[in-house]
Amino acid sequence: MDPNRLLSSKEISEIVSGFDPIDWVQIDLLAKMPFEKRLLPGLKAQEFSMSEINRKVLAHLTPVRMDIK
């Protein structure tokens, strides 16, 4: 597979369909907070989500699908 090949609309839709929906209320609340107050929750969320992101990427890229709970 050529890494520089452009993805089709169908391929992009398949990739994006696995993402969690956007929480617009949370985004609005965070946007209204001063930078120093929204920095810490973002860092805490990153600590918890990095392993989840890694599992999802691995599950997507491996031929044997893993059961993600």
Protein backbone atom coordinates (compact mmCIF):
# COMPACT_ATOMS: atom_id res chain seq x y z
CA MET A 1 0.00 0.00 0.00
CA ASP A 2 1.36 3.39 -0.99
CA PRO A 3 1.48 5.69 2.09
CA ASN A 4 1.15 8.76 -0.14
CA ARG A 5 -2.03 7.51 -1.82
CA LEU A 6 -5.10 9.64 -1.24
CA LEU A 7 -7.93 7.91 0.61
CA SER A 8 -11.34 7.59 -0.97
CA SER A 9 -14.45 9.01 0.70
CA LYS A 10 -15.52 5.48 1.60
CA GLU A 11 -12.17 4.71 3.27
CA ILE A 12 -12.30 7.95 5.25
CA SER A 13 -15.88 7.21 6.35
CA GLU A 14 -14.84 3.76 7.56
CA ILE A 15 -11.99 5.23 9.61
CA VAL A 16 -14.09 8.04 11.13
CA SER A 17 -17.04 5.78 11.95
CA GLY A 18 -15.02 4.18 14.76
CA PHE A 19 -14.49 7.48 16.60
CA ASP A 20 -16.55 8.54 19.58
CA PRO A 21 -19.08 11.31 18.86
CA ILE A 22 -18.04 14.91 19.61
CA ASP A 23 -19.37 16.27 22.91
CA TRP A 24 -20.25 19.81 21.81
CA VAL A 25 -21.47 20.84 25.29
CA GLN A 26 -18.10 19.88 26.81
CA ILE A 27 -16.24 21.73 24.06
CA ASP A 28 -18.37 24.83 24.67
CA LEU A 29 -17.72 24.69 28.43
CA LEU A 30 -13.98 24.29 27.93
CA ALA A 31 -13.87 27.13 25.41
CA LYS A 32 -15.38 29.49 27.98
CA MET A 33 -12.79 28.58 30.65
CA PRO A 34 -9.49 30.47 31.00
CA PHE A 35 -6.50 28.65 29.51
CA GLU A 36 -4.92 27.73 32.86
CA LYS A 37 -8.16 26.06 34.03
CA ARG A 38 -8.75 24.04 30.87
CA LEU A 39 -5.13 22.87 30.61
CA LEU A 40 -5.24 20.50 33.60
CA PRO A 41 -8.41 18.57 32.60
CA GLY A 42 -6.93 18.17 29.12
CA LEU A 43 -3.71 16.73 30.51
CA LYS A 44 -5.62 14.36 32.79
CA ALA A 45 -7.83 13.21 29.91
CA GLN A 46 -4.76 12.58 27.77
CA GLU A 47 -3.26 10.30 30.43
CA PHE A 48 -6.35 8.10 30.40
CA SER A 49 -7.05 8.21 26.67
CA MET A 50 -3.58 7.42 25.28
CA SER A 51 -3.80 3.70 26.09
CA GLU A 52 -7.34 3.59 24.68
CA ILE A 53 -6.20 5.30 21.49
CA ASN A 54 -3.30 2.87 21.16
CA ARG A 55 -5.65 -0.11 21.56
CA LYS A 56 -8.06 1.23 18.95
CA VAL A 57 -5.28 1.89 16.44
CA LEU A 58 -3.80 -1.54 17.05
CA ALA A 59 -7.21 -3.19 16.69
CA HIS A 60 -7.81 -1.34 13.43
CA LEU A 61 -4.43 -2.18 11.94
CA THR A 62 -4.11 -5.82 12.95
CA PRO A 63 -5.72 -8.53 10.84
CA VAL A 64 -7.09 -10.27 13.93
CA ARG A 65 -9.67 -8.02 15.52
CA MET A 66 -9.46 -7.58 19.29
CA ASP A 67 -12.47 -7.28 21.56
CA ILE A 68 -12.29 -3.74 22.98
CA LYS A 69 -14.39 -3.08 26.04
